[in-house]
C-alpha atoms as a PDB file:
ATOM      1  CA  MET A   1     -70.926 -36.528  52.010  1.00  0.00           C
ATOM      2  CA  SER A   2     -68.184 -38.344  52.567  1.00  0.00           C
ATOM      3  CA  THR A   3     -65.478 -38.268  54.760  1.00  0.00           C
ATOM      4  CA  PRO A   4     -62.508 -36.316  53.942  1.00  0.00           C
ATOM      5  CA  GLN A   5     -59.703 -38.867  54.276  1.00  0.00           C
ATOM      6  CA  PRO A   6     -56.644 -38.214  56.514  1.00  0.00           C
ATOM      7  CA  PRO A   7     -53.473 -37.276  54.742  1.00  0.00           C
ATOM      8  CA  MET A   8     -50.636 -40.748  54.279  1.00  0.00           C
ATOM      9  CA  PRO A   9     -47.452 -39.838  56.326  1.00  0.00           C
ATOM     10  CA  GLN A  10     -44.745 -39.015  54.444  1.00  0.00           C
ATOM     11  CA  THR A  11     -42.163 -41.158  54.405  1.00  0.00           C
ATOM     12  CA  ALA A  12     -37.883 -41.855  54.197  1.00  0.00           C
ATOM     13  CA  ALA A  13     -36.163 -41.594  51.310  1.00  0.00           C
ATOM     14  CA  PRO A  14     -34.993 -45.104  51.155  1.00  0.00           C
ATOM     15  CA  ASN A  15     -30.990 -44.866  51.667  1.00  0.00           C
ATOM     16  CA  TRP A  16     -29.954 -46.711  48.820  1.00  0.00           C
ATOM     17  CA  GLN A  17     -25.940 -49.613  49.241  1.00  0.00           C
ATOM     18  CA  ALA A  18     -23.204 -49.508  47.024  1.00  0.00           C
ATOM     19  CA  ALA A  19     -23.370 -54.324  46.228  1.00  0.00           C
ATOM     20  CA  PRO A  20     -20.699 -55.116  47.357  1.00  0.00           C
ATOM     21  CA  GLY A  21     -17.678 -56.596  45.869  1.00  0.00           C
ATOM     22  CA  PRO A  22     -15.023 -55.206  43.514  1.00  0.00           C
ATOM     23  CA  SER A  23     -14.470 -51.645  42.615  1.00  0.00           C
ATOM     24  CA  HIS A  24     -14.325 -51.257  38.103  1.00  0.00           C
ATOM     25  CA  PRO A  25     -11.218 -49.683  36.732  1.00  0.00           C
ATOM     26  CA  THR A  26     -11.846 -47.193  34.457  1.00  0.00           C
ATOM     27  CA  TYR A  27     -10.807 -46.349  30.792  1.00  0.00           C
ATOM     28  CA  THR A  28      -8.310 -44.622  29.841  1.00  0.00           C
ATOM     29  CA  SER A  29      -8.321 -44.077  25.928  1.00  0.00           C
ATOM     30  CA  PRO A  30      -4.782 -45.039  24.744  1.00  0.00           C
ATOM     31  CA  ILE A  31      -4.871 -41.489  22.205  1.00  0.00           C
ATOM     32  CA  PRO A  32      -4.360 -38.560  24.102  1.00  0.00           C
ATOM     33  CA  VAL A  33      -5.912 -35.741  24.305  1.00  0.00           C
ATOM     34  CA  VAL A  34      -4.314 -32.324  23.083  1.00  0.00           C
ATOM     35  CA  ARG A  35      -5.954 -29.128  23.134  1.00  0.00           C
ATOM     36  CA  THR A  36      -6.844 -28.306  19.519  1.00  0.00           C
ATOM     37  CA  HIS A  37      -5.117 -25.744  17.250  1.00  0.00           C
ATOM     38  CA  LEU A  38      -4.753 -23.786  13.510  1.00  0.00           C
ATOM     39  CA  GLY A  39      -2.618 -26.957  12.439  1.00  0.00           C
ATOM     40  CA  HIS A  40      -5.433 -29.928  13.019  1.00  0.00           C
ATOM     41  CA  ALA A  41      -7.719 -27.364  11.211  1.00  0.00           C
ATOM     42  CA  LEU A  42      -5.536 -27.110   8.325  1.00  0.00           C
ATOM     43  CA  ALA A  43      -4.448 -31.064   8.388  1.00  0.00           C
ATOM     44  CA  SER A  44      -8.591 -31.293   7.838  1.00  0.00           C
ATOM     45  CA  GLU A  45      -9.234 -28.807   4.963  1.00  0.00           C
ATOM     46  CA  TRP A  46      -6.269 -29.828   3.231  1.00  0.00           C
ATOM     47  CA  THR A  47      -7.207 -33.476   3.773  1.00  0.00           C
ATOM     48  CA  LYS A  48     -10.774 -32.328   2.346  1.00  0.00           C
ATOM     49  CA  ILE A  49      -9.402 -29.935  -0.507  1.00  0.00           C
ATOM     50  CA  ARG A  50      -7.001 -32.883  -2.179  1.00  0.00           C
ATOM     51  CA  SER A  51     -10.085 -36.048  -2.002  1.00  0.00           C
ATOM     52  CA  VAL A  52     -12.907 -34.038  -3.203  1.00  0.00           C
ATOM     53  CA  ARG A  53     -12.918 -35.223  -6.649  1.00  0.00           C
ATOM     54  CA  SER A  54     -14.196 -31.328  -8.406  1.00  0.00           C
ATOM     55  CA  THR A  55     -11.146 -29.893  -7.046  1.00  0.00           C
ATOM     56  CA  VAL A  56      -9.224 -31.993  -8.977  1.00  0.00           C
ATOM     57  CA  TRP A  57     -11.583 -32.034 -12.125  1.00  0.00           C
ATOM     58  CA  THR A  58     -12.036 -28.075 -11.480  1.00  0.00           C
ATOM     59  CA  LEU A  59      -8.023 -27.543 -11.415  1.00  0.00           C
ATOM     60  CA  GLY A  60      -6.994 -29.643 -14.111  1.00  0.00           C
ATOM     61  CA  VAL A  61      -9.650 -27.705 -16.675  1.00  0.00           C
ATOM     62  CA  PHE A  62      -8.093 -24.139 -15.210  1.00  0.00           C
ATOM     63  CA  VAL A  63      -4.296 -25.251 -16.289  1.00  0.00           C
ATOM     64  CA  LEU A  64      -6.021 -26.928 -19.786  1.00  0.00           C
ATOM     65  CA  LEU A  65      -7.158 -23.447 -20.320  1.00  0.00           C
ATOM     66  CA  VAL A  66      -4.798 -21.302 -19.049  1.00  0.00           C
ATOM     67  CA  VAL A  67      -1.453 -23.296 -21.036  1.00  0.00           C
ATOM     68  CA  GLY A  68      -3.263 -24.675 -23.736  1.00  0.00           C
ATOM     69  CA  ILE A  69      -4.621 -20.935 -24.762  1.00  0.00           C
ATOM     70  CA  GLY A  70      -1.370 -19.569 -23.441  1.00  0.00           C
ATOM     71  CA  LEU A  71       0.900 -21.882 -25.954  1.00  0.00           C
ATOM     72  CA  ALA A  72      -1.862 -21.524 -28.745  1.00  0.00           C
ATOM     73  CA  ALA A  73      -1.666 -17.926 -29.305  1.00  0.00           C
ATOM     74  CA  ALA A  74       2.311 -18.279 -28.708  1.00  0.00           C
ATOM     75  CA  GLY A  75       2.438 -20.499 -32.162  1.00  0.00           C
ATOM     76  CA  LEU A  76      -0.660 -18.459 -34.138  1.00  0.00           C
ATOM     77  CA  ILE A  77       1.161 -15.332 -33.855  1.00  0.00           C
ATOM     78  CA  ALA A  78       5.042 -16.968 -33.963  1.00  0.00           C
ATOM     79  CA  ALA A  79       3.273 -18.670 -37.666  1.00  0.00           C
ATOM     80  CA  ASN A  80       1.244 -15.132 -38.473  1.00  0.00           C
ATOM     81  CA  SER A  81       3.892 -12.505 -37.666  1.00  0.00           C
ATOM     82  CA  SER A  82       6.711 -11.461 -39.917  1.00  0.00           C
ATOM     83  CA  GLU A  83      10.372  -9.997 -38.954  1.00  0.00           C
ATOM     84  CA  GLY A  84      10.381  -8.037 -35.948  1.00  0.00           C
ATOM     85  CA  SER A  85       7.262  -7.101 -35.910  1.00  0.00           C
ATOM     86  CA  LEU A  86       7.528  -7.868 -31.967  1.00  0.00           C
ATOM     87  CA  ARG A  87      10.538  -6.489 -31.531  1.00  0.00           C
ATOM     88  CA  ASN A  88       9.091  -3.949 -28.613  1.00  0.00           C
ATOM     89  CA  GLU A  89       6.493  -6.026 -27.415  1.00  0.00           C
ATOM     90  CA  ASN A  90       6.278  -7.901 -24.339  1.00  0.00           C
ATOM     91  CA  PRO A  91       6.030 -11.571 -25.189  1.00  0.00           C
ATOM     92  CA  LEU A  92       4.597 -12.168 -21.319  1.00  0.00           C
ATOM     93  CA  SER A  93       1.912 -10.112 -22.632  1.00  0.00           C
ATOM     94  CA  PHE A  94       0.117 -13.456 -24.736  1.00  0.00           C
ATOM     95  CA  GLY A  95      -0.230 -15.274 -21.147  1.00  0.00           C
ATOM     96  CA  PHE A  96      -3.356 -12.967 -20.290  1.00  0.00           C
ATOM     97  CA  PHE A  97      -6.335 -14.838 -22.783  1.00  0.00           C
ATOM     98  CA  GLY A  98      -5.893 -18.017 -21.311  1.00  0.00           C
ATOM     99  CA  LEU A  99      -5.482 -16.930 -16.966  1.00  0.00           C
ATOM    100  CA  LEU A 100      -8.541 -14.609 -17.898  1.00  0.00           C
ATOM    101  CA  LEU A 101     -10.904 -17.302 -18.728  1.00  0.00           C
ATOM    102  CA  GLY A 102      -9.394 -19.908 -16.775  1.00  0.00           C
ATOM    103  CA  SER A 103      -9.879 -17.367 -13.884  1.00  0.00           C
ATOM    104  CA  MET A 104     -13.391 -18.466 -14.173  1.00  0.00           C
ATOM    105  CA  CYS A 105     -12.417 -21.559 -12.698  1.00  0.00           C
ATOM    106  CA  ILE A 106     -10.593 -20.466 -10.079  1.00  0.00           C
ATOM    107  CA  ILE A 107     -13.697 -18.255  -9.071  1.00  0.00           C
ATOM    108  CA  THR A 108     -15.762 -21.658  -9.229  1.00  0.00           C
ATOM    109  CA  LEU A 109     -13.018 -24.126  -6.717  1.00  0.00           C
ATOM    110  CA  GLY A 110     -13.333 -21.123  -3.785  1.00  0.00           C
ATOM    111  CA  VAL A 111     -17.291 -21.074  -4.164  1.00  0.00           C
ATOM    112  CA  LEU A 112     -17.430 -24.267  -4.352  1.00  0.00           C
ATOM    113  CA  THR A 113     -15.010 -24.647  -0.677  1.00  0.00           C
ATOM    114  CA  THR A 114     -17.696 -23.715   1.416  1.00  0.00           C
ATOM    115  CA  ALA A 115     -20.818 -23.683  -0.374  1.00  0.00           C
ATOM    116  CA  SER A 116     -20.651 -26.679  -1.259  1.00  0.00           C
ATOM    117  CA  GLU A 117     -20.058 -27.511   2.748  1.00  0.00           C
ATOM    118  CA  TYR A 118     -23.366 -26.216   3.877  1.00  0.00           C
ATOM    119  CA  GLY A 119     -25.523 -26.865   0.255  1.00  0.00           C
ATOM    120  CA  THR A 120     -24.192 -31.380   1.106  1.00  0.00           C
ATOM    121  CA  GLY A 121     -24.535 -30.152   5.495  1.00  0.00           C
ATOM    122  CA  MET A 122     -20.846 -31.716   6.062  1.00  0.00           C
ATOM    123  CA  ILE A 123     -20.708 -27.983   7.899  1.00  0.00           C
ATOM    124  CA  ARG A 124     -22.538 -29.587  10.982  1.00  0.00           C
ATOM    125  CA  THR A 125     -19.589 -31.914  11.242  1.00  0.00           C
ATOM    126  CA  THR A 126     -16.977 -29.321  10.517  1.00  0.00           C
ATOM    127  CA  MET A 127     -18.429 -26.726  13.117  1.00  0.00           C
ATOM    128  CA  THR A 128     -18.862 -30.059  15.502  1.00  0.00           C
ATOM    129  CA  ALA A 129     -15.394 -31.369  15.804  1.00  0.00           C
ATOM    130  CA  CYS A 130     -13.944 -27.212  15.266  1.00  0.00           C
ATOM    131  CA  PRO A 131     -16.273 -24.722  17.255  1.00  0.00           C
ATOM    132  CA  SER A 132     -14.418 -22.142  16.215  1.00  0.00           C
ATOM    133  CA  ARG A 133     -15.035 -20.447  13.169  1.00  0.00           C
ATOM    134  CA  GLY A 134     -13.230 -18.232  12.663  1.00  0.00           C
ATOM    135  CA  ARG A 135     -10.521 -20.036  12.772  1.00  0.00           C
ATOM    136  CA  VAL A 136     -12.573 -23.387  10.414  1.00  0.00           C
ATOM    137  CA  LEU A 137     -12.646 -20.671   7.935  1.00  0.00           C
ATOM    138  CA  THR A 138      -9.423 -19.347   8.501  1.00  0.00           C
ATOM    139  CA  ALA A 139      -7.957 -23.161   8.047  1.00  0.00           C
ATOM    140  CA  LYS A 140     -10.173 -22.547   4.479  1.00  0.00           C
ATOM    141  CA  ALA A 141      -8.822 -19.902   3.856  1.00  0.00           C
ATOM    142  CA  ILE A 142      -4.988 -20.463   3.571  1.00  0.00           C
ATOM    143  CA  VAL A 143      -5.013 -23.566   2.352  1.00  0.00           C
ATOM    144  CA  PHE A 144      -6.993 -22.320  -1.111  1.00  0.00           C
ATOM    145  CA  PHE A 145      -4.872 -20.097  -1.261  1.00  0.00           C
ATOM    146  CA  SER A 146      -1.893 -21.994  -1.688  1.00  0.00           C
ATOM    147  CA  VAL A 147      -3.061 -24.490  -3.751  1.00  0.00           C
ATOM    148  CA  ALA A 148      -4.327 -21.604  -6.122  1.00  0.00           C
ATOM    149  CA  PHE A 149      -1.161 -19.862  -5.912  1.00  0.00           C
ATOM    150  CA  VAL A 150       1.279 -22.770  -6.550  1.00  0.00           C
ATOM    151  CA  VAL A 151      -1.451 -23.927  -9.483  1.00  0.00           C
ATOM    152  CA  THR A 152      -1.517 -20.350 -10.916  1.00  0.00           C
ATOM    153  CA  LEU A 153       2.372 -19.954 -10.522  1.00  0.00           C
ATOM    154  CA  ALA A 154       3.415 -23.086 -12.452  1.00  0.00           C
ATOM    155  CA  SER A 155       1.530 -22.549 -15.095  1.00  0.00           C
ATOM    156  CA  ALA A 156       1.827 -18.707 -15.660  1.00  0.00           C
ATOM    157  CA  LEU A 157       5.750 -19.925 -15.594  1.00  0.00           C
ATOM    158  CA  LEU A 158       5.300 -22.063 -18.273  1.00  0.00           C
ATOM    159  CA  VAL A 159       3.399 -20.205 -20.344  1.00  0.00           C
ATOM    160  CA  ALA A 160       5.707 -17.594 -20.270  1.00  0.00           C
ATOM    161  CA  LEU A 161       8.821 -19.622 -20.974  1.00  0.00           C
ATOM    162  CA  ALA A 162       6.797 -20.687 -24.150  1.00  0.00           C
ATOM    163  CA  ASP A 163       5.930 -17.084 -25.275  1.00  0.00           C
ATOM    164  CA  VAL A 164       9.845 -16.445 -24.630  1.00  0.00           C
ATOM    165  CA  ALA A 165      11.422 -18.913 -26.378  1.00  0.00           C
ATOM    166  CA  LEU A 166       8.360 -19.120 -29.354  1.00  0.00           C
ATOM    167  CA  LEU A 167       7.867 -15.383 -30.137  1.00  0.00           C
ATOM    168  CA  ASP A 168      10.668 -12.948 -31.523  1.00  0.00           C
ATOM    169  CA  ALA A 169      10.209 -10.778 -28.483  1.00  0.00           C
ATOM    170  CA  ARG A 170      12.576  -8.582 -27.075  1.00  0.00           C
ATOM    171  CA  GLU A 171      13.927  -9.762 -23.283  1.00  0.00           C
ATOM    172  CA  PRO A 172      11.267  -9.515 -20.873  1.00  0.00           C
ATOM    173  CA  SER A 173      12.644  -7.615 -17.735  1.00  0.00           C
ATOM    174  CA  ALA A 174      12.960  -8.965 -14.120  1.00  0.00           C
ATOM    175  CA  GLN A 175      10.619  -6.583 -13.414  1.00  0.00           C
ATOM    176  CA  GLU A 176       8.248  -8.362 -16.450  1.00  0.00           C
ATOM    177  CA  TRP A 177       8.641 -11.369 -14.521  1.00  0.00           C
ATOM    178  CA  LEU A 178       7.854 -11.031 -11.557  1.00  0.00           C
ATOM    179  CA  LYS A 179       4.667  -9.611 -11.882  1.00  0.00           C
ATOM    180  CA  GLY A 180       3.510 -12.001 -15.093  1.00  0.00           C
ATOM    181  CA  THR A 181       4.150 -14.589 -13.483  1.00  0.00           C
ATOM    182  CA  VAL A 182       3.978 -14.305  -8.977  1.00  0.00           C
ATOM    183  CA  GLY A 183       2.156 -10.941  -9.262  1.00  0.00           C
ATOM    184  CA  ILE A 184      -0.798 -12.460 -11.566  1.00  0.00           C
ATOM    185  CA  SER A 185      -0.610 -15.647  -9.550  1.00  0.00           C
ATOM    186  CA  LEU A 186      -1.250 -13.667  -6.415  1.00  0.00           C
ATOM    187  CA  TYR A 187      -3.590 -11.913  -7.704  1.00  0.00           C
ATOM    188  CA  LEU A 188      -5.750 -15.070  -9.159  1.00  0.00           C
ATOM    189  CA  ALA A 189      -5.251 -16.134  -6.136  1.00  0.00           C
ATOM    190  CA  LEU A 190      -6.637 -12.975  -4.118  1.00  0.00           C
ATOM    191  CA  LEU A 191      -9.251 -13.043  -6.788  1.00  0.00           C
ATOM    192  CA  GLY A 192     -10.068 -17.102  -5.860  1.00  0.00           C
ATOM    193  CA  LEU A 193      -9.884 -16.029  -2.293  1.00  0.00           C
ATOM    194  CA  LEU A 194     -12.801 -13.648  -2.648  1.00  0.00           C
ATOM    195  CA  SER A 195     -14.484 -16.240  -3.730  1.00  0.00           C
ATOM    196  CA  LEU A 196     -14.420 -18.613  -0.868  1.00  0.00           C
ATOM    197  CA  VAL A 197     -15.491 -15.729   1.574  1.00  0.00           C
ATOM    198  CA  VAL A 198     -18.406 -15.003  -0.725  1.00  0.00           C
ATOM    199  CA  GLY A 199     -19.423 -18.412  -0.590  1.00  0.00           C
ATOM    200  CA  SER A 200     -19.088 -18.957   3.135  1.00  0.00           C
ATOM    201  CA  ILE A 201     -21.454 -15.209   3.121  1.00  0.00           C
ATOM    202  CA  ILE A 202     -24.596 -16.423   0.062  1.00  0.00           C
ATOM    203  CA  ARG A 203     -23.639 -20.475   1.417  1.00  0.00           C
ATOM    204  CA  HIS A 204     -25.157 -21.391  -2.356  1.00  0.00           C
ATOM    205  CA  SER A 205     -23.273 -22.872  -4.827  1.00  0.00           C
ATOM    206  CA  ALA A 206     -24.867 -20.939  -7.622  1.00  0.00           C
ATOM    207  CA  GLY A 207     -25.942 -17.873  -6.342  1.00  0.00           C
ATOM    208  CA  ALA A 208     -22.073 -17.213  -5.333  1.00  0.00           C
ATOM    209  CA  ILE A 209     -20.883 -18.474  -8.515  1.00  0.00           C
ATOM    210  CA  THR A 210     -23.344 -15.967  -9.941  1.00  0.00           C
ATOM    211  CA  ILE A 211     -22.163 -13.047  -8.428  1.00  0.00           C
ATOM    212  CA  MET A 212     -18.290 -13.602  -8.790  1.00  0.00           C
ATOM    213  CA  ILE A 213     -18.741 -13.566 -12.685  1.00  0.00           C
ATOM    214  CA  GLY A 214     -21.174 -11.026 -12.606  1.00  0.00           C
ATOM    215  CA  VAL A 215     -18.486  -9.328 -10.398  1.00  0.00           C
ATOM    216  CA  LEU A 216     -15.343 -10.966 -13.143  1.00  0.00           C
ATOM    217  CA  LEU A 217     -18.079  -9.527 -16.313  1.00  0.00           C
ATOM    218  CA  ALA A 218     -19.786  -6.996 -15.557  1.00  0.00           C
ATOM    219  CA  PRO A 219     -18.377  -3.925 -15.221  1.00  0.00           C
ATOM    220  CA  LEU A 220     -16.638  -3.876 -18.523  1.00  0.00           C
ATOM    221  CA  VAL A 221     -19.451  -5.432 -20.192  1.00  0.00           C
ATOM    222  CA  ILE A 222     -22.059  -2.453 -18.787  1.00  0.00           C
ATOM    223  CA  ALA A 223     -19.011   0.238 -19.710  1.00  0.00           C
ATOM    224  CA  LEU A 224     -19.300  -0.928 -23.739  1.00  0.00           C
ATOM    225  CA  PHE A 225     -22.932   0.563 -24.414  1.00  0.00           C
ATOM    226  CA  MET A 226     -22.484   3.763 -21.839  1.00  0.00           C
ATOM    227  CA  PHE A 227     -22.928   6.056 -25.120  1.00  0.00           C
ATOM    228  CA  SER A 228     -23.646   9.256 -23.171  1.00  0.00           C
ATOM    229  CA  ARG A 229     -21.487  11.201 -22.792  1.00  0.00           C
ATOM    230  CA  SER A 230     -23.045  12.125 -19.202  1.00  0.00           C
ATOM    231  CA  LEU A 231     -21.899   8.611 -18.429  1.00  0.00           C
ATOM    232  CA  GLN A 232     -18.723   8.802 -19.056  1.00  0.00           C
ATOM    233  CA  ASP A 233     -16.575   9.789 -16.549  1.00  0.00           C
ATOM    234  CA  LEU A 234     -18.170   6.139 -15.192  1.00  0.00           C
ATOM    235  CA  GLN A 235     -17.694   4.260 -17.925  1.00  0.00           C
ATOM    236  CA  LYS A 236     -13.689   5.496 -17.754  1.00  0.00           C
ATOM    237  CA  ALA A 237     -13.927   4.012 -13.727  1.00  0.00           C
ATOM    238  CA  LEU A 238     -15.814   1.235 -14.962  1.00  0.00           C
ATOM    239  CA  PHE A 239     -13.022   0.079 -17.540  1.00  0.00           C
ATOM    240  CA  GLU A 240     -10.120   1.186 -15.456  1.00  0.00           C
ATOM    241  CA  TYR A 241     -11.244  -1.122 -11.985  1.00  0.00           C
ATOM    242  CA  SER A 242     -12.389  -3.965 -14.216  1.00  0.00           C
ATOM    243  CA  ILE A 243     -11.282  -7.558 -13.363  1.00  0.00           C
ATOM    244  CA  PRO A 244      -9.656  -7.769 -17.169  1.00  0.00           C
ATOM    245  CA  ASN A 245      -8.262  -4.683 -17.102  1.00  0.00           C
ATOM    246  CA  GLN A 246      -6.272  -4.949 -13.448  1.00  0.00           C
ATOM    247  CA  LEU A 247      -5.541  -7.952 -14.889  1.00  0.00           C
ATOM    248  CA  SER A 248      -4.007  -7.068 -18.058  1.00  0.00           C
ATOM    249  CA  VAL A 249      -1.695  -3.857 -15.802  1.00  0.00           C
ATOM    250  CA  PHE A 250       0.332  -6.694 -14.742  1.00  0.00           C
ATOM    251  CA  TYR A 251       1.618  -6.946 -18.314  1.00  0.00           C
ATOM    252  CA  GLU A 252       1.884  -2.902 -18.696  1.00  0.00           C
ATOM    253  CA  GLN A 253      -0.938  -3.124 -21.085  1.00  0.00           C
ATOM    254  CA  SER A 254      -4.074  -0.756 -19.413  1.00  0.00           C
ATOM    255  CA  LEU A 255      -7.101   0.039 -21.531  1.00  0.00           C
ATOM    256  CA  SER A 256      -6.635   3.307 -20.217  1.00  0.00           C
ATOM    257  CA  ASN A 257      -3.210   6.013 -19.824  1.00  0.00           C
ATOM    258  CA  SER A 258      -5.715   6.823 -16.110  1.00  0.00           C
ATOM    259  CA  GLY A 259      -6.614   4.294 -13.104  1.00  0.00           C
ATOM    260  CA  PRO A 260      -4.915   1.458 -11.629  1.00  0.00           C
ATOM    261  CA  SER A 261      -0.687   0.809 -12.721  1.00  0.00           C
ATOM    262  CA  GLY A 262       2.007  -1.534 -11.408  1.00  0.00           C
ATOM    263  CA  TRP A 263       0.932  -3.619  -8.005  1.00  0.00           C
ATOM    264  CA  ASP A 264      -1.878  -1.142  -8.000  1.00  0.00           C
ATOM    265  CA  PRO A 265      -3.962  -3.664  -8.660  1.00  0.00           C
ATOM    266  CA  LEU A 266      -2.512  -6.952  -6.390  1.00  0.00           C
ATOM    267  CA  TRP A 267      -3.784  -3.766  -3.425  1.00  0.00           C
ATOM    268  CA  ILE A 268      -7.310  -2.972  -4.390  1.00  0.00           C
ATOM    269  CA  MET A 269      -7.584  -6.871  -4.753  1.00  0.00           C
ATOM    270  CA  LEU A 270      -6.473  -7.310  -1.067  1.00  0.00           C
ATOM    271  CA  GLY A 271      -7.830  -4.412   0.222  1.00  0.00           C
ATOM    272  CA  VAL A 272     -11.446  -5.972  -0.555  1.00  0.00           C
ATOM    273  CA  THR A 273     -10.667  -9.475  -0.058  1.00  0.00           C
ATOM    274  CA  ALA A 274      -9.749  -8.005   3.599  1.00  0.00           C
ATOM    275  CA  ALA A 275     -12.909  -6.262   3.997  1.00  0.00           C
ATOM    276  CA  ALA A 276     -15.199  -9.517   2.832  1.00  0.00           C
ATOM    277  CA  PHE A 277     -13.211 -11.652   4.595  1.00  0.00           C
ATOM    278  CA  ALA A 278     -13.782  -9.500   7.655  1.00  0.00           C
ATOM    279  CA  GLY A 279     -17.741  -9.552   7.279  1.00  0.00           C
ATOM    280  CA  ALA A 280     -17.987 -12.861   6.919  1.00  0.00           C
ATOM    281  CA  CYS A 281     -16.391 -13.881  10.589  1.00  0.00           C
ATOM    282  CA  VAL A 282     -18.660 -11.300  11.934  1.00  0.00           C
ATOM    283  CA  LEU A 283     -22.050 -13.199   9.937  1.00  0.00           C
ATOM    284  CA  LEU A 284     -20.531 -16.515  11.096  1.00  0.00           C
ATOM    285  CA  GLU A 285     -20.354 -15.747  15.126  1.00  0.00           C
ATOM    286  CA  LYS A 286     -23.875 -14.491  14.276  1.00  0.00           C
ATOM    287  CA  ARG A 287     -25.388 -16.590  12.722  1.00  0.00           C
ATOM    288  CA  ASP A 288     -26.960 -20.032  12.892  1.00  0.00           C
ATOM    289  CA  VAL A 289     -24.949 -23.218  11.241  1.00  0.00           C
END
């Protein structure tokens, strides 16, 4: 049997002394350290949206569709209409066709503004540079809305001026000019902003684009095939509140005599977008990047 060994004596911790010599100077960065704010996030998002090639292509196709279809429609109508047949028509309304088709480009760009960052992993860099997630989403929304509104307004105004010059129709009133240019541009910019928010919620480009195209077209297509008399009320509501019909309200050409009128479509889209934006902000704070 081995005898137990006595415990080892505890040694005191060594007292380390600093090496003699001159102290090393600390480094001071020449770049001033400032607290970040919304302006920095706006500058970052503006750099992103203007430097990505898909932005140029998507907005280029949008302008081509809106201006091209608008001018083509005006030219065909002017060539095939008899004298005085358009006397009571609003010439601005013939720009509706190009804007309806071009809205798909605005939807696509809105989704890609947020969802593409999740697909590429760039969102991690963005959130590291700016941990305030609500600020990032707000900056994206402001930059995208401004770009979409300016491009849509310029395209719609160009088509409107061409329609008035080419068509032998009545002179639009100031209210019709405002709704047919600024009003419909605000509506389409809000539709694109809603797409941006949906892209932030879904975090998948193809899925969010599919959802938004369904929101754009599904109510009108479904209503076309509701032949049952018991579904007439639902069919009427789908017709009246579908996005194509709300766009036509800006030109006073609604599919029915009831439903949204005047500036109602703009307030409806504003309310839906604000609710979706609030939901996206809540989800951003709860989810992991």
